[in-house]
Protein backbone atom coordinates (compact mmCIF):
# COMPACT_ATOMS: atom_id res chain seq x y z
CA MET A 1 -32.96 -7.15 7.09
CA LEU A 2 -30.13 -10.51 7.07
CA LYS A 3 -29.02 -9.60 3.34
CA SER A 4 -28.32 -6.05 3.92
CA SER A 5 -26.41 -6.93 7.26
CA LYS A 6 -24.54 -9.59 5.45
CA LYS A 7 -23.79 -6.90 2.67
CA VAL A 8 -22.54 -4.27 5.19
CA ILE A 9 -20.16 -6.73 6.82
CA LEU A 10 -19.15 -8.29 3.79
CA GLY A 11 -18.10 -5.01 2.64
CA LEU A 12 -16.62 -3.69 5.57
CA ILE A 13 -14.31 -7.07 5.48
CA ALA A 14 -13.39 -6.03 1.55
CA ALA A 15 -12.31 -2.41 2.75
CA ALA A 16 -10.22 -3.62 5.76
CA LEU A 17 -8.23 -6.34 3.52
CA THR A 18 -7.95 -3.63 0.36
CA VAL A 19 -6.07 -1.46 3.31
CA LEU A 20 -4.08 -4.29 4.75
CA ALA A 21 -2.99 -5.48 1.00
CA SER A 22 -2.21 -1.93 -0.13
CA ALA A 23 -0.09 -1.82 3.38
CA GLY A 24 1.72 -4.72 2.63
CA VAL A 25 2.56 -3.31 -1.32
CA ALA A 26 3.67 0.13 0.19
CA SER A 27 6.39 -1.47 2.24
CA ALA A 28 7.80 -4.08 -0.08
CA CYS A 29 8.49 -0.94 -2.00
CA LEU A 30 11.70 0.14 -0.63
CA TYR A 31 13.20 0.97 -4.12
CA VAL A 32 11.75 4.90 -3.32
CA TYR A 33 13.94 5.33 -0.66
CA TYR A 34 16.97 4.30 -3.27
CA GLU A 35 19.35 7.19 -3.83
CA PRO A 36 22.52 6.69 -6.03
CA GLU A 37 25.35 8.49 -5.59
CA MET A 38 26.27 11.46 -8.10
CA PRO A 39 29.13 10.90 -9.69
CA LYS A 40 32.14 13.11 -9.01
CA ALA A 41 32.00 15.10 -12.29
CA TYR A 42 28.74 15.89 -11.73
CA GLN A 43 29.12 17.53 -8.38
CA LYS A 44 30.77 21.18 -7.57
């Protein structure tokens, strides 16, 4: 009984830490929003 509840608790902690790590990485990748200006030669 104690081993199975310990396994569940550790699994929940691991899942929560995975979500937190993914959120931290996603917020650090701001280069996705970078949009360089188009050269005037290509503009119509």
